[in-house]
């Protein structure tokens, strides 16, 4: 049984929206529909992001995790620019 909450459905549909290989679209749908939980879906999304964008994704997520009150977009960009 799928976790069919709004977050799950929105994230799943967004992944399908940005999927670019229409020949593999049916397989992608089957893959995503086999995921059972929101946590597993986001793990799959983060894996795809890391594949697409490399360590940048991990760096951003680490910064957000260790920040006390989160970071604004400008603060995040500033920290990332100084670390590159």
C-alpha atoms as a PDB file:
ATOM      1  CA  UNK A   1       0.000   0.000   0.000  1.00  0.00           C
ATOM      2  CA  UNK A   2       1.395   3.378  -0.965  1.00  0.00           C
ATOM      3  CA  UNK A   3       1.597   6.323   1.338  1.00  0.00           C
ATOM      4  CA  UNK A   4      -0.694   8.521  -0.770  1.00  0.00           C
ATOM      5  CA  UNK A   5      -0.454  11.737   1.166  1.00  0.00           C
ATOM      6  CA  UNK A   6      -0.261  15.069  -0.580  1.00  0.00           C
ATOM      7  CA  UNK A   7       3.522  15.346  -0.087  1.00  0.00           C
ATOM      8  CA  UNK A   8       4.114  11.880  -1.537  1.00  0.00           C
ATOM      9  CA  UNK A   9       1.912  12.550  -4.560  1.00  0.00           C
ATOM     10  CA  UNK A  10       3.355  16.004  -5.223  1.00  0.00           C
ATOM     11  CA  UNK A  11       6.967  14.760  -5.028  1.00  0.00           C
ATOM     12  CA  UNK A  12       6.187  11.751  -7.227  1.00  0.00           C
ATOM     13  CA  UNK A  13       4.505  13.892  -9.874  1.00  0.00           C
ATOM     14  CA  UNK A  14       7.364  16.402  -9.824  1.00  0.00           C
ATOM     15  CA  UNK A  15       9.843  13.584 -10.454  1.00  0.00           C
ATOM     16  CA  UNK A  16       7.769  12.442 -13.411  1.00  0.00           C
ATOM     17  CA  UNK A  17       7.485  16.017 -14.701  1.00  0.00           C
ATOM     18  CA  UNK A  18      11.247  16.493 -14.888  1.00  0.00           C
ATOM     19  CA  UNK A  19      12.001  13.014 -16.214  1.00  0.00           C
ATOM     20  CA  UNK A  20      13.374  13.592 -19.703  1.00  0.00           C
ATOM     21  CA  UNK A  21      13.488  10.153 -21.339  1.00  0.00           C
ATOM     22  CA  UNK A  22      10.019   9.545 -22.706  1.00  0.00           C
ATOM     23  CA  UNK A  23      11.002   6.127 -24.036  1.00  0.00           C
ATOM     24  CA  UNK A  24      11.635   5.066 -20.434  1.00  0.00           C
ATOM     25  CA  UNK A  25       8.634   6.893 -18.980  1.00  0.00           C
ATOM     26  CA  UNK A  26       6.573   3.763 -18.311  1.00  0.00           C
ATOM     27  CA  UNK A  27       9.475   2.127 -16.476  1.00  0.00           C
ATOM     28  CA  UNK A  28      10.001   5.293 -14.438  1.00  0.00           C
ATOM     29  CA  UNK A  29       6.335   5.315 -13.438  1.00  0.00           C
ATOM     30  CA  UNK A  30       6.575   1.669 -12.351  1.00  0.00           C
ATOM     31  CA  UNK A  31       9.770   2.398 -10.398  1.00  0.00           C
ATOM     32  CA  UNK A  32       8.249   5.342  -8.550  1.00  0.00           C
ATOM     33  CA  UNK A  33       4.978   3.527  -7.858  1.00  0.00           C
ATOM     34  CA  UNK A  34       6.918   0.684  -6.243  1.00  0.00           C
ATOM     35  CA  UNK A  35       8.120   3.080  -3.529  1.00  0.00           C
ATOM     36  CA  UNK A  36       6.152   2.631  -0.314  1.00  0.00           C
ATOM     37  CA  UNK A  37       6.980   5.593   1.926  1.00  0.00           C
ATOM     38  CA  UNK A  38       7.651   9.321   1.702  1.00  0.00           C
ATOM     39  CA  UNK A  39      11.110   8.766   3.214  1.00  0.00           C
ATOM     40  CA  UNK A  40      11.980   6.198   0.538  1.00  0.00           C
ATOM     41  CA  UNK A  41      10.690   8.501  -2.194  1.00  0.00           C
ATOM     42  CA  UNK A  42      12.835  11.400  -0.993  1.00  0.00           C
ATOM     43  CA  UNK A  43      15.844   9.099  -0.680  1.00  0.00           C
ATOM     44  CA  UNK A  44      15.335   8.204  -4.352  1.00  0.00           C
ATOM     45  CA  UNK A  45      14.947  11.891  -5.266  1.00  0.00           C
ATOM     46  CA  UNK A  46      18.147  12.849  -3.414  1.00  0.00           C
ATOM     47  CA  UNK A  47      20.016   9.999  -5.133  1.00  0.00           C
ATOM     48  CA  UNK A  48      18.868  11.348  -8.491  1.00  0.00           C
ATOM     49  CA  UNK A  49      19.862  14.896  -7.526  1.00  0.00           C
ATOM     50  CA  UNK A  50      23.326  13.741  -6.454  1.00  0.00           C
ATOM     51  CA  UNK A  51      23.696  11.880  -9.753  1.00  0.00           C
ATOM     52  CA  UNK A  52      22.609  14.977 -11.699  1.00  0.00           C
ATOM     53  CA  UNK A  53      24.470  17.630  -9.677  1.00  0.00           C
ATOM     54  CA  UNK A  54      27.234  15.787  -7.815  1.00  0.00           C
ATOM     55  CA  UNK A  55      28.432  16.744  -4.342  1.00  0.00           C
ATOM     56  CA  UNK A  56      26.737  20.145  -4.590  1.00  0.00           C
ATOM     57  CA  UNK A  57      23.484  18.564  -3.358  1.00  0.00           C
ATOM     58  CA  UNK A  58      25.187  16.985  -0.367  1.00  0.00           C
ATOM     59  CA  UNK A  59      26.916  20.280   0.473  1.00  0.00           C
ATOM     60  CA  UNK A  60      23.627  22.196   0.392  1.00  0.00           C
ATOM     61  CA  UNK A  61      21.804  19.614   2.516  1.00  0.00           C
ATOM     62  CA  UNK A  62      24.609  19.548   5.091  1.00  0.00           C
ATOM     63  CA  UNK A  63      24.573  23.338   5.356  1.00  0.00           C
ATOM     64  CA  UNK A  64      20.820  23.356   5.860  1.00  0.00           C
ATOM     65  CA  UNK A  65      21.034  20.584   8.437  1.00  0.00           C
ATOM     66  CA  UNK A  66      23.682  22.260  10.586  1.00  0.00           C
ATOM     67  CA  UNK A  67      22.220  25.754  10.420  1.00  0.00           C
ATOM     68  CA  UNK A  68      20.308  26.647  13.550  1.00  0.00           C
ATOM     69  CA  UNK A  69      17.435  28.575  11.952  1.00  0.00           C
ATOM     70  CA  UNK A  70      17.859  27.611   8.318  1.00  0.00           C
ATOM     71  CA  UNK A  71      19.506  29.747   5.659  1.00  0.00           C
ATOM     72  CA  UNK A  72      18.080  32.235   3.230  1.00  0.00           C
ATOM     73  CA  UNK A  73      18.893  31.724  -0.426  1.00  0.00           C
ATOM     74  CA  UNK A  74      21.406  34.605  -0.349  1.00  0.00           C
ATOM     75  CA  UNK A  75      23.118  33.208   2.781  1.00  0.00           C
ATOM     76  CA  UNK A  76      23.319  29.763   1.228  1.00  0.00           C
ATOM     77  CA  UNK A  77      24.801  31.155  -1.988  1.00  0.00           C
ATOM     78  CA  UNK A  78      27.316  33.215  -0.027  1.00  0.00           C
ATOM     79  CA  UNK A  79      28.517  30.212   1.988  1.00  0.00           C
ATOM     80  CA  UNK A  80      28.721  28.022  -1.110  1.00  0.00           C
ATOM     81  CA  UNK A  81      30.651  30.644  -3.090  1.00  0.00           C
ATOM     82  CA  UNK A  82      33.281  31.012  -0.361  1.00  0.00           C
ATOM     83  CA  UNK A  83      33.695  27.257  -0.076  1.00  0.00           C
ATOM     84  CA  UNK A  84      34.267  26.691  -3.819  1.00  0.00           C
END
